[in-house]
Protein backbone atom coordinates (compact mmCIF):
# COMPACT_ATOMS: atom_id res chain seq x y z
CA MET A 1 -26.53 -10.30 22.63
CA TRP A 2 -26.83 -11.04 18.91
CA ALA A 3 -27.02 -7.34 18.12
CA PHE A 4 -23.77 -6.78 20.03
CA VAL A 5 -22.04 -9.60 18.12
CA PHE A 6 -23.39 -8.24 14.83
CA TRP A 7 -22.10 -4.70 15.33
CA ILE A 8 -18.71 -5.77 16.69
CA SER A 9 -18.27 -8.16 13.76
CA LEU A 10 -19.38 -5.55 11.23
CA GLY A 11 -17.01 -3.01 12.76
CA LEU A 12 -14.06 -5.41 12.51
CA VAL A 13 -14.80 -6.33 8.89
CA LEU A 14 -15.12 -2.68 7.86
CA TYR A 15 -11.97 -1.77 9.77
CA VAL A 16 -9.84 -4.51 8.20
CA TYR A 17 -10.81 -3.82 4.60
CA LEU A 18 -11.69 -0.10 4.62
CA GLY A 19 -10.85 1.56 7.91
CA TYR A 20 -7.18 0.62 8.15
CA PRO A 21 -6.31 1.52 4.52
CA LEU A 22 -8.04 4.89 4.86
CA LEU A 23 -6.35 5.61 8.20
CA VAL A 24 -2.93 4.75 6.78
CA ALA A 25 -3.57 6.95 3.74
CA LEU A 26 -4.54 9.84 6.06
CA ILE A 27 -1.45 9.34 8.25
CA ALA A 28 0.72 9.12 5.13
CA ALA A 29 -0.64 12.46 3.90
CA VAL A 30 0.23 14.05 7.26
CA LEU A 31 3.65 12.46 7.85
CA ASP A 32 4.66 12.28 4.17
CA ARG A 33 7.85 10.30 4.83
CA ARG A 34 9.03 10.28 1.24
CA VAL A 35 12.02 8.11 0.41
CA ARG A 36 15.07 10.18 -0.58
CA ARG A 37 15.66 8.38 -3.86
CA ALA A 38 18.72 9.07 -6.02
CA PRO A 39 20.55 7.20 -8.79
CA CYS A 40 23.12 4.79 -7.35
CA GLU A 41 25.06 1.77 -8.62
CA PRO A 42 26.15 -0.49 -5.76
CA ALA A 43 27.42 -4.01 -6.43
CA VAL A 44 24.41 -6.34 -6.68
CA THR A 45 23.90 -10.08 -6.38
CA ILE A 46 20.61 -11.50 -7.67
CA LEU A 47 19.60 -14.72 -5.89
CA ILE A 48 17.31 -17.25 -7.54
CA ALA A 49 16.09 -20.38 -5.75
CA ALA A 50 14.90 -22.94 -8.29
CA HIS A 51 13.33 -26.38 -8.12
CA ASN A 52 12.51 -28.07 -11.44
CA GLU A 53 12.29 -24.80 -13.38
CA GLU A 54 13.52 -26.00 -16.79
CA ALA A 55 10.53 -24.32 -18.48
CA SER A 56 11.37 -20.82 -17.25
CA ILE A 57 14.94 -20.58 -15.93
CA ARG A 58 16.52 -19.81 -19.34
CA GLN A 59 14.22 -16.87 -20.00
CA THR A 60 14.71 -15.61 -16.43
CA LEU A 61 18.52 -15.67 -16.71
CA GLN A 62 18.43 -13.98 -20.11
CA ASN A 63 16.18 -11.32 -18.62
CA LYS A 64 18.47 -10.67 -15.63
CA LEU A 65 21.61 -10.51 -17.79
CA SER A 66 19.97 -7.96 -20.10
CA LEU A 67 19.00 -5.53 -17.32
CA ASP A 68 20.16 -1.94 -17.66
CA TYR A 69 22.97 -2.09 -15.10
CA PRO A 70 26.80 -2.11 -15.23
CA ARG A 71 27.99 -5.64 -16.06
CA ALA A 72 30.88 -5.49 -13.62
CA LYS A 73 28.54 -4.72 -10.72
CA LEU A 74 25.92 -7.42 -11.30
CA ASN A 75 26.23 -11.14 -10.63
CA ILE A 76 23.67 -13.92 -10.29
CA ILE A 77 23.55 -16.99 -8.06
CA VAL A 78 21.09 -19.78 -8.83
CA VAL A 79 20.52 -22.36 -6.10
CA SER A 80 19.08 -25.53 -7.57
CA ASP A 81 17.07 -27.04 -4.74
CA GLY A 82 17.26 -30.74 -5.49
CA SER A 83 16.10 -30.27 -9.09
CA THR A 84 15.54 -33.48 -11.02
CA ASP A 85 14.87 -31.98 -14.46
CA ARG A 86 17.16 -29.96 -16.78
CA THR A 87 17.37 -26.89 -14.54
CA ASP A 88 21.04 -27.44 -13.62
CA GLU A 89 22.02 -28.19 -17.21
CA ILE A 90 20.42 -24.98 -18.47
CA VAL A 91 22.01 -22.82 -15.76
CA ARG A 92 25.44 -24.28 -16.55
CA GLU A 93 25.07 -22.93 -20.10
CA PHE A 94 25.18 -19.45 -18.55
CA GLU A 95 27.91 -20.08 -15.96
CA SER A 96 30.59 -17.40 -16.02
CA GLU A 97 32.00 -14.69 -13.76
CA ARG A 98 28.48 -13.29 -13.63
CA VAL A 99 26.41 -16.45 -13.18
CA ARG A 100 27.04 -19.20 -10.65
CA LEU A 101 25.16 -22.42 -9.90
CA ILE A 102 24.95 -23.87 -6.39
CA ARG A 103 23.41 -27.30 -5.88
CA GLN A 104 21.38 -27.85 -2.70
CA GLU A 105 21.10 -31.56 -2.02
CA PRO A 106 18.93 -32.98 -0.59
CA ARG A 107 16.06 -30.61 -1.33
CA ASN A 108 15.53 -28.35 1.68
CA GLY A 109 13.32 -25.48 0.52
CA LYS A 110 13.65 -21.89 -0.64
CA THR A 111 14.65 -20.40 2.70
CA GLU A 112 17.64 -22.69 3.17
CA ALA A 113 18.59 -22.07 -0.47
CA LEU A 114 18.69 -18.31 0.16
CA ASN A 115 20.63 -18.77 3.41
CA LYS A 116 23.23 -20.73 1.45
CA ALA A 117 23.37 -18.26 -1.44
CA VAL A 118 23.77 -15.13 0.71
CA GLN A 119 26.99 -16.58 2.13
CA GLU A 120 28.40 -16.53 -1.41
CA ALA A 121 26.96 -13.16 -2.44
CA ARG A 122 29.47 -10.45 -3.39
CA GLY A 123 27.13 -7.51 -3.72
CA GLU A 124 26.39 -4.77 -1.20
CA ILE A 125 22.73 -5.29 -2.13
CA VAL A 126 21.07 -8.68 -2.45
CA VAL A 127 18.08 -8.97 -4.80
CA PHE A 128 15.61 -11.86 -4.58
CA SER A 129 14.03 -13.13 -7.80
CA ASP A 130 11.75 -16.07 -8.43
CA ALA A 131 12.79 -18.51 -11.13
CA ASN A 132 9.94 -17.35 -13.39
CA SER A 133 10.08 -13.60 -12.66
CA ILE A 134 10.64 -11.24 -15.60
CA TYR A 135 11.80 -7.69 -14.79
CA ASP A 136 11.47 -4.49 -16.78
CA GLU A 137 14.83 -3.48 -18.25
CA ASP A 138 15.12 -0.55 -15.82
CA ALA A 139 13.55 -2.30 -12.81
CA LEU A 140 16.85 -2.80 -10.99
CA ARG A 141 17.80 0.87 -11.23
CA HIS A 142 14.41 1.93 -9.85
CA LEU A 143 14.70 -0.60 -7.03
CA LEU A 144 18.22 0.43 -6.01
CA ALA A 145 17.57 4.18 -6.12
CA ASN A 146 15.79 3.77 -2.78
CA PHE A 147 19.03 2.70 -1.07
CA ALA A 148 20.40 6.21 -1.52
CA ASP A 149 18.28 6.89 1.56
CA PRO A 150 20.32 5.57 4.52
CA ASP A 151 17.13 4.81 6.47
CA VAL A 152 15.98 2.27 3.89
CA GLY A 153 17.00 -1.33 4.48
CA TYR A 154 14.59 -3.30 2.27
CA VAL A 155 12.79 -2.47 -0.99
CA THR A 156 10.06 -4.35 -2.83
CA GLY A 157 8.85 -3.75 -6.37
CA ARG A 158 5.48 -4.06 -8.09
CA ILE A 159 4.21 -7.36 -9.41
CA VAL A 160 2.12 -7.25 -12.59
CA TYR A 161 0.15 -10.43 -13.22
CA THR A 162 -0.23 -11.41 -16.84
CA ARG A 163 -3.24 -13.38 -18.04
CA PRO A 164 -2.31 -16.22 -20.35
CA GLY A 165 -5.13 -17.93 -22.22
CA ASP A 166 -8.69 -17.18 -21.23
CA LEU A 167 -9.56 -14.64 -18.58
CA SER A 168 -10.52 -16.53 -15.44
CA GLY A 169 -11.96 -15.57 -12.08
CA VAL A 170 -8.65 -16.39 -10.42
CA ASN A 171 -6.36 -14.16 -12.47
CA ALA A 172 -8.90 -11.34 -12.66
CA GLY A 173 -9.46 -11.49 -8.90
CA CYS A 174 -5.73 -11.75 -8.26
CA SER A 175 -5.05 -8.64 -10.37
CA SER A 176 -7.79 -6.69 -8.57
CA TYR A 177 -6.40 -7.79 -5.21
CA MET A 178 -2.91 -6.61 -6.17
CA GLY A 179 -4.35 -3.25 -7.16
CA TYR A 180 -5.79 -2.93 -3.66
CA GLU A 181 -2.45 -4.00 -2.15
CA THR A 182 -0.56 -1.50 -4.32
CA PHE A 183 -2.65 1.37 -2.94
CA LEU A 184 -1.99 0.15 0.58
CA ARG A 185 1.76 -0.27 0.03
CA LEU A 186 2.10 3.23 -1.38
CA ALA A 187 0.35 4.63 1.69
CA GLU A 188 2.36 2.50 4.13
CA THR A 189 5.62 3.61 2.50
CA ARG A 190 4.79 7.29 2.94
CA ALA A 191 3.71 6.58 6.51
CA GLY A 192 6.87 4.66 7.44
CA SER A 193 7.30 0.99 6.50
CA LEU A 194 5.49 -1.82 4.72
CA VAL A 195 4.31 -4.96 6.47
CA GLY A 196 4.11 -7.09 3.32
CA VAL A 197 6.34 -7.49 0.25
CA ASN A 198 6.22 -9.37 -3.05
CA GLY A 199 9.19 -11.74 -2.76
CA GLY A 200 9.97 -11.95 -6.49
CA ILE A 201 11.46 -8.47 -6.87
CA ASP A 202 12.88 -7.54 -3.46
CA ALA A 203 16.23 -6.12 -2.36
CA VAL A 204 17.96 -5.86 1.02
CA ARG A 205 21.25 -4.49 2.28
CA ARG A 206 23.46 -7.54 2.56
CA GLU A 207 24.57 -6.73 6.12
CA LEU A 208 20.92 -6.79 7.23
CA TYR A 209 20.26 -10.32 6.02
CA GLN A 210 19.84 -12.77 8.89
CA PRO A 211 19.65 -16.55 8.36
CA MET A 212 16.16 -17.95 8.87
CA ARG A 213 14.76 -21.34 9.75
CA ALA A 214 13.75 -23.54 6.85
CA ASP A 215 10.06 -23.22 7.77
CA GLN A 216 10.10 -19.42 7.88
CA GLN A 217 8.80 -17.34 4.97
CA PRO A 218 11.67 -15.08 3.73
CA ASP A 219 9.48 -12.41 2.16
CA PHE A 220 7.62 -11.93 5.45
CA VAL A 221 10.13 -12.67 8.20
CA LEU A 222 13.14 -10.87 6.70
CA PRO A 223 11.37 -7.48 6.26
CA MET A 224 10.26 -7.67 9.90
CA MET A 225 13.85 -8.39 10.93
CA VAL A 226 14.92 -5.28 9.01
CA VAL A 227 12.33 -3.15 10.80
CA ASP A 228 13.44 -4.65 14.11
CA ARG A 229 16.93 -3.28 13.40
CA GLY A 230 15.62 0.24 12.86
CA TYR A 231 15.47 0.43 9.04
CA ARG A 232 12.54 1.13 6.73
CA VAL A 233 10.90 -1.33 4.34
CA VAL A 234 9.53 0.54 1.31
CA PHE A 235 7.66 0.01 -1.96
CA GLU A 236 8.99 1.04 -5.38
CA PRO A 237 6.07 1.15 -7.86
CA SER A 238 8.33 1.77 -10.87
CA ALA A 239 10.23 -1.51 -10.45
CA ASN A 240 7.98 -3.90 -12.35
CA LEU A 241 7.98 -7.69 -12.30
CA TYR A 242 5.83 -9.64 -14.76
CA GLU A 243 4.57 -13.05 -13.72
CA ALA A 244 1.81 -15.29 -15.00
CA SER A 245 -1.13 -15.55 -12.63
CA LEU A 246 -2.70 -18.89 -11.85
CA ASN A 247 -5.76 -19.88 -13.86
CA ARG A 248 -7.16 -22.65 -11.69
CA SER A 249 -8.84 -21.93 -8.39
CA HIS A 250 -7.53 -25.05 -6.61
CA GLU A 251 -3.93 -24.06 -7.43
CA GLU A 252 -4.47 -20.51 -6.20
CA PHE A 253 -6.19 -21.84 -3.09
CA ARG A 254 -3.29 -24.15 -2.21
CA MET A 255 -0.81 -21.33 -2.73
CA ARG A 256 -2.83 -18.96 -0.52
CA VAL A 257 -3.13 -21.58 2.23
CA ARG A 258 0.63 -22.06 2.18
CA VAL A 259 1.29 -18.31 2.31
CA ALA A 260 -1.24 -17.77 5.12
CA LEU A 261 0.11 -20.64 7.23
CA ARG A 262 3.70 -19.45 6.95
CA ALA A 263 2.62 -15.85 7.63
CA LEU A 264 0.76 -16.83 10.79
CA ARG A 265 3.80 -18.75 11.99
CA ALA A 266 5.99 -15.76 11.17
CA LEU A 267 3.73 -13.47 13.21
CA TRP A 268 4.20 -15.80 16.16
CA ASP A 269 7.97 -15.94 15.67
CA MET A 270 8.21 -12.14 15.43
CA ARG A 271 5.49 -11.39 17.98
CA ARG A 272 7.69 -8.88 19.82
CA LEU A 273 7.00 -6.50 16.92
CA LEU A 274 3.35 -6.51 18.03
CA ASN A 275 4.39 -4.81 21.27
CA PRO A 276 2.90 -1.27 21.06
CA PHE A 277 5.24 0.03 23.75
CA GLU A 278 8.35 -0.89 21.76
CA PHE A 279 6.97 -0.44 18.21
CA PRO A 280 3.98 1.90 18.62
CA PHE A 281 3.22 2.56 14.95
CA TYR A 282 4.53 -0.59 13.29
CA SER A 283 2.78 -2.87 15.79
CA TRP A 284 -0.53 -1.23 14.84
CA GLN A 285 0.24 -1.78 11.14
CA LEU A 286 1.25 -5.39 11.66
CA PHE A 287 -1.80 -6.10 13.80
CA SER A 288 -4.22 -4.43 11.38
CA HIS A 289 -2.80 -5.35 7.98
CA LYS A 290 -1.63 -8.88 8.70
CA LEU A 291 -3.02 -10.44 11.88
CA LEU A 292 -6.56 -9.11 11.54
CA ARG A 293 -6.54 -9.69 7.78
CA TYR A 294 -5.60 -13.36 8.16
CA LEU A 295 -8.18 -13.79 10.92
CA ALA A 296 -10.95 -11.86 9.15
CA PHE A 297 -12.89 -15.09 8.62
CA PHE A 298 -13.85 -14.96 12.32
CA PRO A 299 -15.85 -11.69 12.14
CA LEU A 300 -17.15 -12.63 8.69
CA LEU A 301 -18.62 -15.86 10.06
CA SER A 302 -19.95 -14.27 13.24
CA LEU A 303 -21.44 -11.40 11.23
CA TYR A 304 -23.45 -13.78 9.07
CA ALA A 305 -24.45 -16.06 11.96
CA SER A 306 -25.59 -13.21 14.22
CA ASN A 307 -27.43 -11.60 11.32
CA LEU A 308 -29.40 -14.81 10.88
CA PHE A 309 -30.77 -14.46 14.43
CA LEU A 310 -31.63 -10.80 13.84
CA LEU A 311 -33.87 -11.29 10.83
CA ARG A 312 -37.17 -9.39 10.99
CA ARG A 313 -35.85 -7.18 13.77
CA GLY A 314 -35.35 -4.22 11.52
CA LEU A 315 -34.92 -3.25 7.88
CA LEU A 316 -31.17 -2.74 8.32
CA TYR A 317 -30.64 -6.31 9.58
CA ASP A 318 -32.78 -7.74 6.78
CA PHE A 319 -30.88 -5.75 4.14
CA SER A 320 -27.52 -6.76 5.65
CA PHE A 321 -28.45 -10.44 5.53
CA PHE A 322 -29.67 -10.10 1.95
CA LEU A 323 -26.43 -8.34 0.94
CA GLN A 324 -24.18 -10.93 2.58
CA THR A 325 -26.15 -13.81 1.10
CA THR A 326 -25.95 -12.21 -2.34
CA ILE A 327 -22.16 -11.85 -2.06
CA TYR A 328 -21.67 -15.46 -1.00
CA CYS A 329 -24.02 -16.75 -3.70
CA ALA A 330 -22.14 -14.65 -6.25
CA ALA A 331 -18.90 -16.23 -5.04
CA VAL A 332 -20.32 -19.74 -5.52
CA ILE A 333 -21.61 -18.87 -8.99
CA GLY A 334 -18.26 -17.27 -9.77
CA TYR A 335 -16.53 -20.51 -8.82
CA TYR A 336 -18.66 -22.61 -11.15
CA PHE A 337 -18.47 -20.10 -14.00
CA GLN A 338 -14.97 -18.75 -13.42
CA HIS A 339 -13.94 -19.24 -17.07
CA HIS A 340 -17.00 -17.52 -18.58
CA ARG A 341 -15.89 -14.06 -19.67
CA ARG A 342 -19.29 -12.44 -20.04
CA ILE A 343 -20.28 -12.74 -16.39
CA LEU A 344 -16.80 -12.69 -14.91
CA ARG A 345 -16.65 -8.94 -14.27
CA PHE A 346 -19.57 -9.17 -11.83
CA LEU A 347 -18.34 -12.23 -9.98
CA HIS A 348 -14.55 -12.31 -9.74
CA ALA A 349 -14.36 -9.94 -6.75
CA PRO A 350 -16.67 -11.91 -4.38
CA PHE A 351 -15.23 -15.19 -5.68
CA TYR A 352 -11.62 -14.19 -4.97
CA PHE A 353 -12.54 -12.53 -1.66
CA CYS A 354 -14.09 -15.77 -0.42
CA LEU A 355 -11.18 -17.82 -1.77
CA LEU A 356 -8.71 -15.74 0.26
CA ASN A 357 -10.69 -16.02 3.47
CA LEU A 358 -11.37 -19.73 3.04
CA ALA A 359 -7.62 -20.25 2.52
CA ALA A 360 -6.89 -18.28 5.71
CA LEU A 361 -9.44 -20.38 7.63
CA THR A 362 -7.81 -23.58 6.36
CA ALA A 363 -4.35 -22.29 7.27
CA PHE A 364 -5.52 -21.40 10.77
CA PHE A 365 -6.68 -24.95 11.46
CA GLN A 366 -3.44 -26.29 10.00
CA LEU A 367 -1.58 -23.99 12.37
CA LEU A 368 -3.53 -25.38 15.33
CA SER A 369 -2.69 -28.91 14.19
CA GLY A 370 1.02 -28.08 14.24
CA LYS A 371 1.60 -28.32 10.49
CA THR A 372 4.69 -26.66 9.02
CA ILE A 373 5.66 -26.13 5.38
CA ILE A 374 9.24 -26.21 4.16
CA LEU A 375 8.94 -27.66 0.65
CA TRP A 376 6.42 -26.76 -2.01
CA ASN A 377 6.14 -26.89 -5.77
CA PRO A 378 6.85 -23.72 -7.76
CA ARG A 379 3.99 -21.39 -8.65
CA LYS A 380 2.91 -21.93 -12.25
CA GLY A 381 0.71 -19.64 -14.31
């Protein structure tokens, strides 16, 4: 019995992290569904939901106003979600025909802020930016070029994490993880549609936006709604967003728990997309990339537990147990020495891998307890 559990668990772990990405890359090479990009200049509204962002909102607005795009076709709406600092005051310094401030009171979360802002948006395309997201000057043009393809309904750009201060296990692991995700998103785009986006540099056709509940995660639920309506969700690697990564593991952990919990709830809300008879290819992507990824802690735990009972039953089992133990010990050491540069390169990968799976495990139990998340503090680097 333990051998059966071991091999099933090992197969699932390998499939989630290696098998699915390689299969998608192979399918992408065969299908090669390239996006028919072309220069285009539709009217655009950039939406920014902000709560107590006095430290970054000025720079973000200056960045958006300096983008390489026709002034007459670009406007910005900032929704201040119950801010109690100088956020509103700073935004009012920029108020004009191009910049508008909307006050959401009482505080009701990012999703409700976006629902409110879209009602006031004038653009054919709505772009979502975080309050601390800095774009390349030409990022908007690269992003919008994808909408020349009538099959495209939603586009996400590439997030580049900067590393302020000392190099830590969190920001190094986060950057490595995003490199892995970038490879996967490129493959998924050429195969059809993405199942995960960035949120800080995203764009959608305004007519495809559907209001969401306050507890739903916009950068997960909305792309699935777009796919449900027959449009593609694609990745634009030339549209770059620069954002400071987190330096402290407990902050990254809390953020990952929040993301995982809201993603699991979103999968339940949009479970019809997991129907292989109605969405044969996308349901497989959603199941493999998201559901199995967020539940990967199950086979990881059962793999280690079953391996423990199989010790001294073969060299392969002994080596597997040694390898797993080494990885988990490296993760623990990486946690305690996450700010030591000299040993970081050998430890940040197992450390961040375990952080992600521990966050998913925590989110799963929160899901079972009925917890929902509507409000949270902004991500700070």
